[in-house]
Protein backbone atom coordinates (compact mmCIF):
# COMPACT_ATOMS: atom_id res chain seq x y z
CA MET A 1 93.04 94.32 89.64
CA PRO A 2 92.06 91.22 92.13
CA GLU A 3 93.44 90.92 95.33
CA SER A 4 95.24 87.94 96.59
CA PHE A 5 92.95 85.03 97.89
CA GLU A 6 94.51 84.26 100.95
CA ASN A 7 94.14 84.34 104.44
CA ASN A 8 98.01 85.28 105.78
CA GLN A 9 98.04 82.95 102.54
CA ALA A 10 99.31 84.18 99.42
CA GLY A 11 97.81 82.65 96.54
CA GLU A 12 95.54 80.52 98.84
CA PRO A 13 91.76 79.76 97.91
CA PHE A 14 90.19 79.00 100.54
CA ASP A 15 88.77 82.00 102.59
CA GLU A 16 86.03 83.41 101.63
CA ASN A 17 86.75 86.68 103.39
CA SER A 18 89.65 87.93 101.91
CA ILE A 19 88.45 86.33 98.21
CA SER A 20 88.29 88.26 95.23
CA ASN A 21 85.47 87.03 93.06
CA GLU A 22 85.27 87.39 89.27
CA VAL A 23 82.66 86.02 87.74
CA GLN A 24 83.13 84.67 84.10
CA ASN A 25 81.06 84.00 81.58
CA THR A 26 83.42 82.10 79.23
CA PRO A 27 84.82 78.65 80.67
CA LEU A 28 88.50 78.02 81.96
CA GLU A 29 90.96 76.64 80.20
CA GLN A 30 92.09 73.77 82.28
CA PRO A 31 96.49 74.28 82.44
CA THR A 32 98.50 71.90 80.32
CA LEU A 33 101.30 70.36 83.19
CA ALA A 34 104.75 70.62 81.98
CA LYS A 35 107.40 68.09 81.18
CA PRO A 36 110.00 67.25 83.89
CA ARG A 37 113.58 66.95 82.89
CA LYS A 38 113.75 63.25 83.37
CA HIS A 39 112.07 59.78 82.29
CA THR A 40 108.68 58.40 82.54
CA LEU A 41 106.73 58.65 85.60
CA LYS A 42 103.37 58.04 86.70
CA VAL A 43 102.78 58.82 90.26
CA ILE A 44 99.44 57.73 92.10
CA GLY A 45 98.90 59.31 95.86
CA ILE A 46 97.21 56.93 97.66
CA VAL A 47 94.84 57.93 100.43
CA ALA A 48 93.39 55.42 102.63
CA GLY A 49 91.57 55.17 105.96
CA SER A 50 91.98 59.25 106.39
CA ILE A 51 95.07 59.16 106.31
CA VAL A 52 97.75 60.83 104.12
CA CYS A 53 101.47 60.88 104.74
CA ILE A 54 101.00 64.84 105.46
CA CYS A 55 97.49 66.08 105.98
CA VAL A 56 95.88 67.63 108.21
CA LEU A 57 92.69 65.90 110.24
CA THR A 58 90.27 67.47 109.37
CA LEU A 59 89.75 68.29 105.71
CA ALA A 60 87.50 70.77 104.31
CA VAL A 61 86.94 73.53 101.27
CA PHE A 62 84.27 75.50 102.30
CA GLY A 63 82.69 72.77 104.52
CA ALA A 64 82.04 70.34 101.58
CA ILE A 65 84.83 67.83 102.34
CA SER A 66 85.60 66.00 104.78
CA ALA A 67 86.40 62.54 103.17
CA LEU A 68 89.97 62.09 102.93
CA ASN A 69 88.91 58.45 104.44
CA TYR A 70 86.85 57.98 101.37
CA TYR A 71 89.55 58.55 98.43
CA LYS A 72 91.97 56.45 96.81
CA GLY A 73 94.40 56.96 94.19
CA ILE A 74 94.73 60.35 93.47
CA THR A 75 96.96 61.22 90.91
CA THR A 76 99.61 64.03 91.44
CA ARG A 77 99.82 66.95 89.05
CA HIS A 78 102.89 67.17 87.44
CA SER A 79 103.31 65.56 84.08
CA SER A 80 103.67 61.52 83.68
CA GLU A 81 106.23 62.26 80.74
CA MET A 82 110.36 63.72 81.16
CA ALA A 83 111.91 66.03 79.03
CA GLU A 84 114.90 64.27 77.53
CA THR A 85 117.70 66.21 79.45
CA PRO A 86 118.12 65.96 82.90
CA TYR A 87 118.26 68.47 84.90
CA LYS A 88 121.73 69.48 86.72
CA GLY A 89 120.44 71.02 89.97
CA LEU A 90 120.23 74.75 91.05
CA ALA A 91 123.34 76.73 91.19
CA LEU A 92 123.96 78.25 94.79
CA ASN A 93 126.84 80.91 94.77
CA SER A 94 128.95 82.79 97.96
CA LYS A 95 128.99 86.05 98.59
CA PRO A 96 131.56 88.27 97.44
CA GLN A 97 134.90 88.26 99.69
CA THR A 98 135.40 92.02 99.54
CA ASP A 99 133.21 94.46 98.07
CA GLN A 100 135.34 95.10 95.55
CA GLU A 101 135.04 91.39 94.28
CA LYS A 102 131.67 91.60 91.73
CA SER A 103 128.72 89.44 92.15
CA THR A 104 127.56 89.00 88.19
CA THR A 105 126.78 92.67 88.12
CA PHE A 106 127.04 94.55 91.14
CA ALA A 107 129.63 94.86 93.76
CA ALA A 108 127.98 97.42 96.28
CA PHE A 109 126.24 97.10 99.63
CA SER A 110 123.58 99.40 97.96
CA SER A 111 119.87 98.38 98.11
CA GLU A 112 119.27 100.32 94.74
CA ALA A 113 122.15 97.99 93.41
CA ALA A 114 120.98 94.77 94.79
CA ALA A 115 117.02 95.57 93.81
CA GLN A 116 117.89 96.58 90.20
CA LYS A 117 119.72 93.00 89.88
CA ALA A 118 117.28 90.95 90.98
CA LEU A 119 114.10 92.75 90.15
CA PRO A 120 113.61 91.80 86.48
CA SER A 121 114.23 88.29 88.31
CA VAL A 122 111.06 88.30 90.00
CA VAL A 123 107.61 87.93 88.65
CA THR A 124 103.71 88.30 89.29
CA ILE A 125 101.69 84.94 89.21
CA LYS A 126 98.14 85.32 88.55
CA VAL A 127 95.61 82.44 89.39
CA LYS A 128 92.43 81.52 88.72
CA ILE A 129 90.21 78.98 89.88
CA SER A 130 87.00 77.64 89.20
CA MET A 131 84.21 76.97 92.12
CA MET A 132 80.78 77.01 92.89
CA GLY A 133 79.60 78.63 89.31
CA GLU A 134 82.28 81.46 90.24
CA THR A 135 85.47 82.49 89.41
CA LEU A 136 88.04 83.23 91.73
CA SER A 137 91.05 85.19 91.49
CA GLY A 138 94.64 85.47 93.22
CA VAL A 139 97.94 86.73 92.86
CA GLY A 140 101.74 85.38 93.91
CA SER A 141 104.99 85.93 93.33
CA GLY A 142 108.05 84.25 91.91
CA ILE A 143 111.37 83.79 91.00
CA ILE A 144 112.74 82.96 87.49
CA MET A 145 115.28 80.15 88.25
CA GLU A 146 116.33 79.30 83.95
CA LYS A 147 115.89 81.27 80.74
CA ASP A 148 114.07 78.69 79.15
CA GLY A 149 110.95 79.84 81.35
CA TYR A 150 111.36 77.86 84.96
CA ILE A 151 110.05 79.48 87.75
CA ILE A 152 110.03 78.94 91.58
CA THR A 153 107.46 80.18 93.47
CA ASN A 154 104.77 78.60 96.74
CA ALA A 155 102.85 75.47 96.64
CA HIS A 156 99.87 76.97 97.86
CA VAL A 157 100.47 79.71 95.62
CA VAL A 158 99.68 77.95 92.02
CA ASP A 159 98.71 74.46 93.54
CA TYR A 160 94.49 75.10 93.28
CA ALA A 161 94.62 76.67 90.43
CA ASP A 162 92.53 76.34 86.77
CA THR A 163 94.44 78.37 85.17
CA ILE A 164 97.86 80.43 85.71
CA LYS A 165 99.24 83.36 84.09
CA VAL A 166 102.91 85.38 84.58
CA VAL A 167 103.40 89.00 84.26
CA LEU A 168 107.13 89.97 83.86
CA ASP A 169 108.77 92.90 85.82
CA GLY A 170 107.62 95.99 84.57
CA GLY A 171 104.29 94.61 83.74
CA LYS A 172 105.63 92.94 80.44
CA GLY A 173 103.24 90.04 78.77
CA ASP A 174 100.48 88.02 80.44
CA TYR A 175 102.06 84.75 79.82
CA LYS A 176 100.38 81.11 80.30
CA ALA A 177 102.03 79.03 83.07
CA GLU A 178 102.18 75.56 83.39
CA ILE A 179 102.68 73.43 86.72
CA VAL A 180 105.87 70.95 86.85
CA GLY A 181 105.94 70.11 89.85
CA VAL A 182 104.37 70.91 93.44
CA ASP A 183 105.33 69.77 96.91
CA ARG A 184 102.78 70.40 99.40
CA ARG A 185 104.97 69.51 102.48
CA THR A 186 107.59 71.98 101.84
CA ASP A 187 105.20 74.41 99.85
CA LEU A 188 107.59 74.47 97.15
CA ALA A 189 106.24 74.79 93.34
CA VAL A 190 108.23 75.19 90.26
CA ILE A 191 106.29 76.19 86.63
CA LYS A 192 106.83 76.89 83.62
CA ILE A 193 106.38 79.62 80.72
CA ASP A 194 107.41 78.68 76.91
CA ALA A 195 109.99 81.46 76.79
CA GLU A 196 111.71 79.87 73.77
CA ASN A 197 109.29 79.28 71.39
CA ILE A 198 107.76 82.64 72.60
CA GLY A 199 111.25 84.31 72.27
CA LEU A 200 111.51 85.81 75.48
CA GLU A 201 114.85 86.76 76.84
CA LEU A 202 114.28 86.03 80.76
CA THR A 203 117.16 86.93 83.50
CA PRO A 204 117.35 83.85 85.67
CA ALA A 205 118.06 85.16 89.30
CA GLU A 206 121.24 84.65 91.04
CA MET A 207 120.52 82.54 93.67
CA GLY A 208 123.11 82.98 96.63
CA ASN A 209 123.92 80.43 99.61
CA SER A 210 121.45 80.99 102.60
CA ALA A 211 123.97 78.98 104.67
CA ASP A 212 126.39 82.56 104.41
CA VAL A 213 123.70 84.03 106.20
CA LYS A 214 124.03 86.17 109.42
CA VAL A 215 121.51 87.13 111.87
CA GLY A 216 121.91 91.59 111.24
CA GLU A 217 122.30 90.99 107.62
CA ARG A 218 120.50 93.62 105.48
CA ILE A 219 117.69 92.18 103.26
CA LEU A 220 115.60 92.75 100.61
CA ILE A 221 111.87 91.90 99.95
CA ILE A 222 110.62 91.77 96.61
CA GLY A 223 107.13 90.71 95.15
CA THR A 224 104.08 91.35 94.18
CA PRO A 225 101.75 92.41 97.86
CA GLN A 226 98.18 92.20 97.95
CA SER A 227 97.45 92.96 94.36
CA GLU A 228 98.91 93.30 90.74
CA ASP A 229 99.02 97.07 91.28
CA PHE A 230 101.64 96.60 93.50
CA ALA A 231 103.60 94.49 91.44
CA GLY A 232 107.65 94.62 92.14
CA SER A 233 107.38 95.97 95.49
CA VAL A 234 110.45 96.46 97.18
CA THR A 235 111.07 96.40 101.26
CA GLN A 236 114.23 96.24 103.33
CA GLY A 237 114.97 94.83 107.00
CA ILE A 238 117.41 93.00 108.18
CA ILE A 239 117.57 88.87 108.92
CA SER A 240 116.16 88.62 112.01
CA GLY A 241 116.82 84.75 113.23
CA LEU A 242 117.65 81.46 111.54
CA ASN A 243 116.61 77.99 111.63
CA ARG A 244 112.95 78.95 113.17
CA SER A 245 110.57 76.26 113.54
CA VAL A 246 107.77 77.63 112.49
CA SER A 247 104.22 75.84 111.26
CA SER A 248 100.94 76.81 109.53
CA GLY A 249 98.31 74.32 108.79
CA ASN A 250 99.68 71.14 107.16
CA THR A 251 103.35 72.96 106.51
CA LEU A 252 106.23 72.50 108.78
CA TYR A 253 109.11 74.86 108.89
CA SER A 254 112.37 73.66 110.36
CA GLY A 255 115.28 76.08 109.34
CA ALA A 256 113.10 79.57 108.16
CA ILE A 257 115.00 82.58 108.36
CA GLN A 258 113.48 85.08 109.86
CA VAL A 259 113.34 88.59 108.83
CA ASP A 260 111.83 92.19 110.09
CA ALA A 261 110.53 93.38 106.34
CA ALA A 262 106.94 93.63 105.39
CA ILE A 263 105.93 90.21 104.10
CA ASN A 264 102.47 90.50 103.17
CA ARG A 265 99.57 88.41 101.21
CA GLY A 266 100.72 87.81 97.69
CA ASN A 267 104.63 88.07 98.32
CA SER A 268 104.34 84.42 98.65
CA GLY A 269 107.19 82.90 96.40
CA GLY A 270 108.73 86.23 95.82
CA ALA A 271 112.80 86.76 96.64
CA LEU A 272 114.69 87.36 99.74
CA VAL A 273 117.26 89.11 98.35
CA ASN A 274 121.06 89.70 100.20
CA SER A 275 122.67 93.34 99.36
CA TYR A 276 124.75 91.75 96.13
CA GLY A 277 121.23 90.77 94.61
CA GLN A 278 121.48 86.92 95.46
CA VAL A 279 118.34 85.31 96.24
CA ILE A 280 118.87 83.44 99.42
CA GLY A 281 115.23 82.66 100.10
CA ILE A 282 111.45 82.39 98.90
CA ASN A 283 109.45 84.33 100.97
CA SER A 284 105.57 82.52 102.19
CA ALA A 285 103.23 84.81 103.58
CA LYS A 286 101.35 81.55 104.70
CA LEU A 287 103.47 81.77 108.28
CA ILE A 288 102.39 85.38 109.37
CA ASP A 289 99.33 86.15 111.70
CA ILE A 290 96.41 88.75 110.97
CA GLY A 291 98.01 91.47 112.67
CA THR A 292 101.46 90.31 113.14
CA GLU A 293 104.41 92.99 112.37
CA GLY A 294 107.72 92.58 111.84
CA LEU A 295 107.82 89.23 111.80
CA GLY A 296 108.25 87.75 108.18
CA PHE A 297 109.99 84.43 107.23
CA SER A 298 111.26 82.57 104.53
CA ILE A 299 112.26 79.40 103.13
CA PRO A 300 116.22 79.14 102.50
CA ILE A 301 117.26 78.48 99.03
CA SER A 302 119.71 75.95 100.15
CA ASP A 303 117.06 74.06 101.83
CA ALA A 304 114.91 74.77 98.72
CA LYS A 305 117.29 73.37 96.72
CA PRO A 306 116.93 69.14 96.69
CA ILE A 307 113.20 69.79 96.69
CA ILE A 308 113.32 72.16 93.20
CA ASP A 309 116.05 70.09 91.64
CA ASP A 310 113.77 66.81 92.29
CA LEU A 311 110.54 68.37 90.91
CA MET A 312 112.81 69.24 87.80
CA ASN A 313 113.56 66.03 87.37
CA HIS A 314 111.07 63.85 88.78
CA GLY A 315 108.23 66.07 89.58
CA LYS A 316 107.93 65.42 93.04
CA VAL A 317 110.60 64.46 95.95
CA MET A 318 112.19 61.55 95.58
CA GLY A 319 113.59 58.64 98.66
CA ARG A 320 111.24 61.29 101.91
CA VAL A 321 110.40 58.86 104.87
CA CYS A 322 107.96 58.97 107.41
CA LEU A 323 106.48 57.33 110.41
CA GLY A 324 102.99 56.67 109.18
CA ILE A 325 101.01 58.98 111.79
CA THR A 326 98.97 61.77 111.79
CA ALA A 327 99.28 63.54 115.57
CA HIS A 328 99.43 66.29 117.68
CA GLU A 329 102.04 67.82 120.23
CA VAL A 330 100.80 67.24 123.56
CA THR A 331 102.67 70.59 125.01
CA GLU A 332 103.72 70.58 128.88
CA GLU A 333 100.52 72.82 129.03
CA MET A 334 98.68 70.59 127.71
CA ALA A 335 99.82 68.04 129.64
CA ARG A 336 99.31 69.44 132.80
CA ILE A 337 95.56 70.15 131.77
CA LYS A 338 94.71 66.50 130.55
CA ARG A 339 96.99 64.47 132.73
CA MET A 340 99.25 63.19 129.69
CA PRO A 341 103.01 62.99 128.95
CA VAL A 342 104.36 65.15 127.02
CA GLY A 343 105.24 64.18 123.42
CA LEU A 344 102.88 63.21 120.22
CA TYR A 345 99.51 61.85 120.28
CA VAL A 346 98.60 59.56 117.66
CA GLU A 347 95.25 60.59 115.97
CA ALA A 348 95.85 57.87 113.16
CA LEU A 349 97.90 55.47 111.39
CA ARG A 350 97.99 55.28 108.03
CA GLU A 351 97.86 52.60 105.76
CA GLY A 352 100.86 51.18 104.36
CA SER A 353 102.78 51.02 107.71
CA ASN A 354 103.49 48.31 110.55
CA LEU A 355 102.93 50.10 112.86
CA SER A 356 99.19 49.00 113.94
CA GLU A 357 100.47 45.49 113.39
CA LYS A 358 103.68 46.45 115.37
CA GLY A 359 100.73 46.87 118.33
CA VAL A 360 100.99 50.95 118.57
CA LEU A 361 97.41 52.26 118.71
CA ILE A 362 95.54 55.35 118.26
CA GLY A 363 95.84 57.42 121.21
CA ASP A 364 99.29 56.32 122.44
CA VAL A 365 101.78 59.12 123.00
CA ILE A 366 104.95 58.96 121.69
CA THR A 367 107.78 60.21 123.97
CA GLY A 368 110.45 59.01 122.40
CA LEU A 369 112.03 57.57 119.16
CA ASP A 370 115.60 55.63 119.13
CA GLY A 371 116.47 56.97 122.30
CA LYS A 372 115.43 60.50 122.30
CA ALA A 373 112.86 62.62 123.47
CA VAL A 374 110.31 63.46 121.22
CA ALA A 375 108.37 66.53 122.19
CA SER A 376 107.66 68.22 118.84
CA PHE A 377 107.36 67.36 115.37
CA LYS A 378 110.79 68.91 115.13
CA ASP A 379 111.77 66.52 117.06
CA VAL A 380 110.41 63.68 114.83
CA LYS A 381 111.58 65.15 111.35
CA ASP A 382 115.42 64.98 112.95
CA ALA A 383 114.76 61.52 114.54
CA ILE A 384 114.24 59.85 110.70
CA LYS A 385 116.63 62.69 108.91
CA GLY A 386 119.02 60.31 106.67
CA LYS A 387 116.59 57.34 107.06
CA LYS A 388 115.44 55.26 104.30
CA ALA A 389 112.07 53.64 103.61
CA GLU A 390 111.93 50.03 105.33
CA ASP A 391 114.64 51.39 107.95
CA SER A 392 113.92 50.29 111.44
CA ILE A 393 113.55 52.75 114.36
CA LYS A 394 112.28 52.48 118.08
CA LEU A 395 109.65 54.10 119.79
CA LYS A 396 108.71 54.44 123.48
CA ILE A 397 105.27 54.93 123.89
CA ASN A 398 102.71 56.28 126.78
CA ARG A 399 99.57 54.38 126.95
CA TYR A 400 96.40 54.90 129.05
CA ASN A 401 95.03 51.70 130.00
CA THR A 402 91.02 52.50 130.61
CA ASP A 403 90.21 49.29 132.28
CA THR A 404 93.20 49.60 134.84
CA ASN A 405 93.12 53.46 134.97
CA GLU A 406 96.71 53.23 135.11
CA ASN A 407 99.63 54.22 132.09
CA GLU A 408 101.49 51.45 130.43
CA PHE A 409 105.05 51.89 128.96
CA LEU A 410 106.07 50.56 125.71
CA ASP A 411 109.30 49.76 123.61
CA ILE A 412 108.22 48.91 119.79
CA THR A 413 110.58 48.33 116.79
CA ALA A 414 108.57 49.66 113.32
CA ALA A 415 109.63 50.31 110.33
CA LEU A 416 109.49 53.58 108.19
CA ILE A 417 107.90 54.19 104.66
CA GLU A 418 108.00 56.24 101.82
CA ASP A 419 106.65 59.78 102.35
CA GLU A 420 103.89 60.48 99.13
CA ASP A 421 102.67 64.30 99.53
CA GLU A 422 99.59 64.87 100.33
CA PRO A 423 96.54 64.95 97.89
CA ASN A 424 95.10 68.15 96.18
CA LEU A 425 92.24 69.22 98.13
CA MET A 426 90.68 71.19 94.83
CA ASP A 427 91.22 67.62 93.06
CA LEU A 428 89.14 66.04 95.89
CA TYR A 429 86.43 68.84 96.08
CA LYS A 430 86.11 68.42 91.43
CA ASP A 431 85.91 64.60 92.39
CA LEU A 432 83.15 64.89 95.07
CA PHE A 433 81.52 67.50 93.28
CA PRO A 434 81.73 67.61 89.45
CA ASP A 435 79.11 70.06 89.15
CA GLY A 436 80.89 72.56 91.07
CA LYS A 437 78.04 72.32 93.78
CA GLY A 438 78.66 71.30 97.51
CA GLY A 439 76.45 70.29 99.58
CA GLU A 440 76.80 68.99 103.22
CA ASP A 441 74.38 66.06 102.86
CA GLU A 442 76.87 64.72 99.92
CA SER A 443 80.19 64.48 102.31
CA LYS A 444 81.65 61.88 104.13
CA ASP A 445 82.30 61.94 107.42
CA ILE A 446 85.62 61.28 108.79
CA GLU A 447 85.78 58.67 112.03
CA GLU A 448 86.43 61.01 115.40
CA ILE A 449 88.90 60.84 118.15
CA PRO A 450 87.89 60.35 121.19
CA PRO A 451 85.28 63.38 122.84
CA GLU A 452 87.75 63.87 125.84
CA THR A 453 90.44 64.63 123.99
CA ASP A 454 88.69 67.84 121.60
CA VAL A 455 90.36 70.11 123.16
CA LEU A 456 93.83 69.36 122.18
CA ARG A 457 92.88 69.52 118.52
CA SER A 458 93.89 71.99 116.40
CA PRO A 459 94.81 72.75 112.60
CA GLU A 460 97.68 74.39 113.43
CA GLN A 461 98.49 71.64 115.17
CA VAL A 462 97.80 68.38 113.65
CA LEU A 463 100.44 67.29 111.26
CA ALA A 464 101.23 63.84 109.52
CA LEU A 465 104.49 62.73 110.15
């Protein structure tokens, strides 16, 4: 069986050293896009300059793509047609108050009971992608959320796939799945198998409430680590920490659940389960470094709920806003080395924002928002939380004047803009190289930031906000 094609990212296809290559003689069937549950909607992601609202500054698909500034009009992957019945929302359940009060089926604080309850609701997700004349295969995990075949997983598990297949608990079936919606910013996705027409009787997971979670609480990790051979694997541990701020590439989690149980490649999209068999989180191997042990992270189900609800009803997340910049953190250590202030170094401005019009320049360091100091990506998220597009926000800017060799301090009021999800990198690749063959001479170069700041550049630190 193929192993997961990820470099610490379950289902992530862009690491040749961890990719299982499976050359097929027959062409892949392009996946159908499932129908979100509401009115008609067509979404076009605008990519202009080299900026999108969430992206790493340097874009590369096996070294062939560095052309975000070359693309405009990237279409998102969800269906443009909506089903007639709106989705009512993912139902969350509190813990039973006592050991005697039942949670659907099981009441005991037994690992065996919790595992037996949750296992039928966790699936294996197999994906294939056609690239450079080869077919790459990978594996991830998912959680059944509705009887009619809706399944939660991580965006990076399914986002680049040409075909998606779902295998149920116990190795049952090999069912074709469709993408309902993908949100790369939160690394969440919803897919669907046609359970009703196939005649499947699925077991939806009972969703817990991650607001009830406490440090030290016993938990289980359920998923498909490494390959399909290990489907339905269960590991156990405890909650090690809450509200952790962790980032990987272009994904920032500001409220992750930390666990000491093993979350391996392929576990991404699987279930974090409490002692009652309730799902309290969606696991992600994306945040684990090679060689790290006893350190795993999960997206709290309570945080995932509004994202999932939007994906079900609209195919995308609604009402999210951003500053309209691509930036990286200037830490205290970097500030000492480069003699810069602590804050966010502006690497690019997104077209559509009024930051440039208001006087913000590439190279500025944002040190404050709405009167509060800014030193991290999380500080920005906190500052814009609850705001709407076109709401004003006050920026405190530190700018180095090369003519006078002095710092200037500016107060600028700008408007927030709607936050569009980043483009699918594989769509970019296929548009650039329709014959499936990449080449450096065909790629477009992105505008570089000043060379003296190259020491600050890191794919793990650059985010669009």
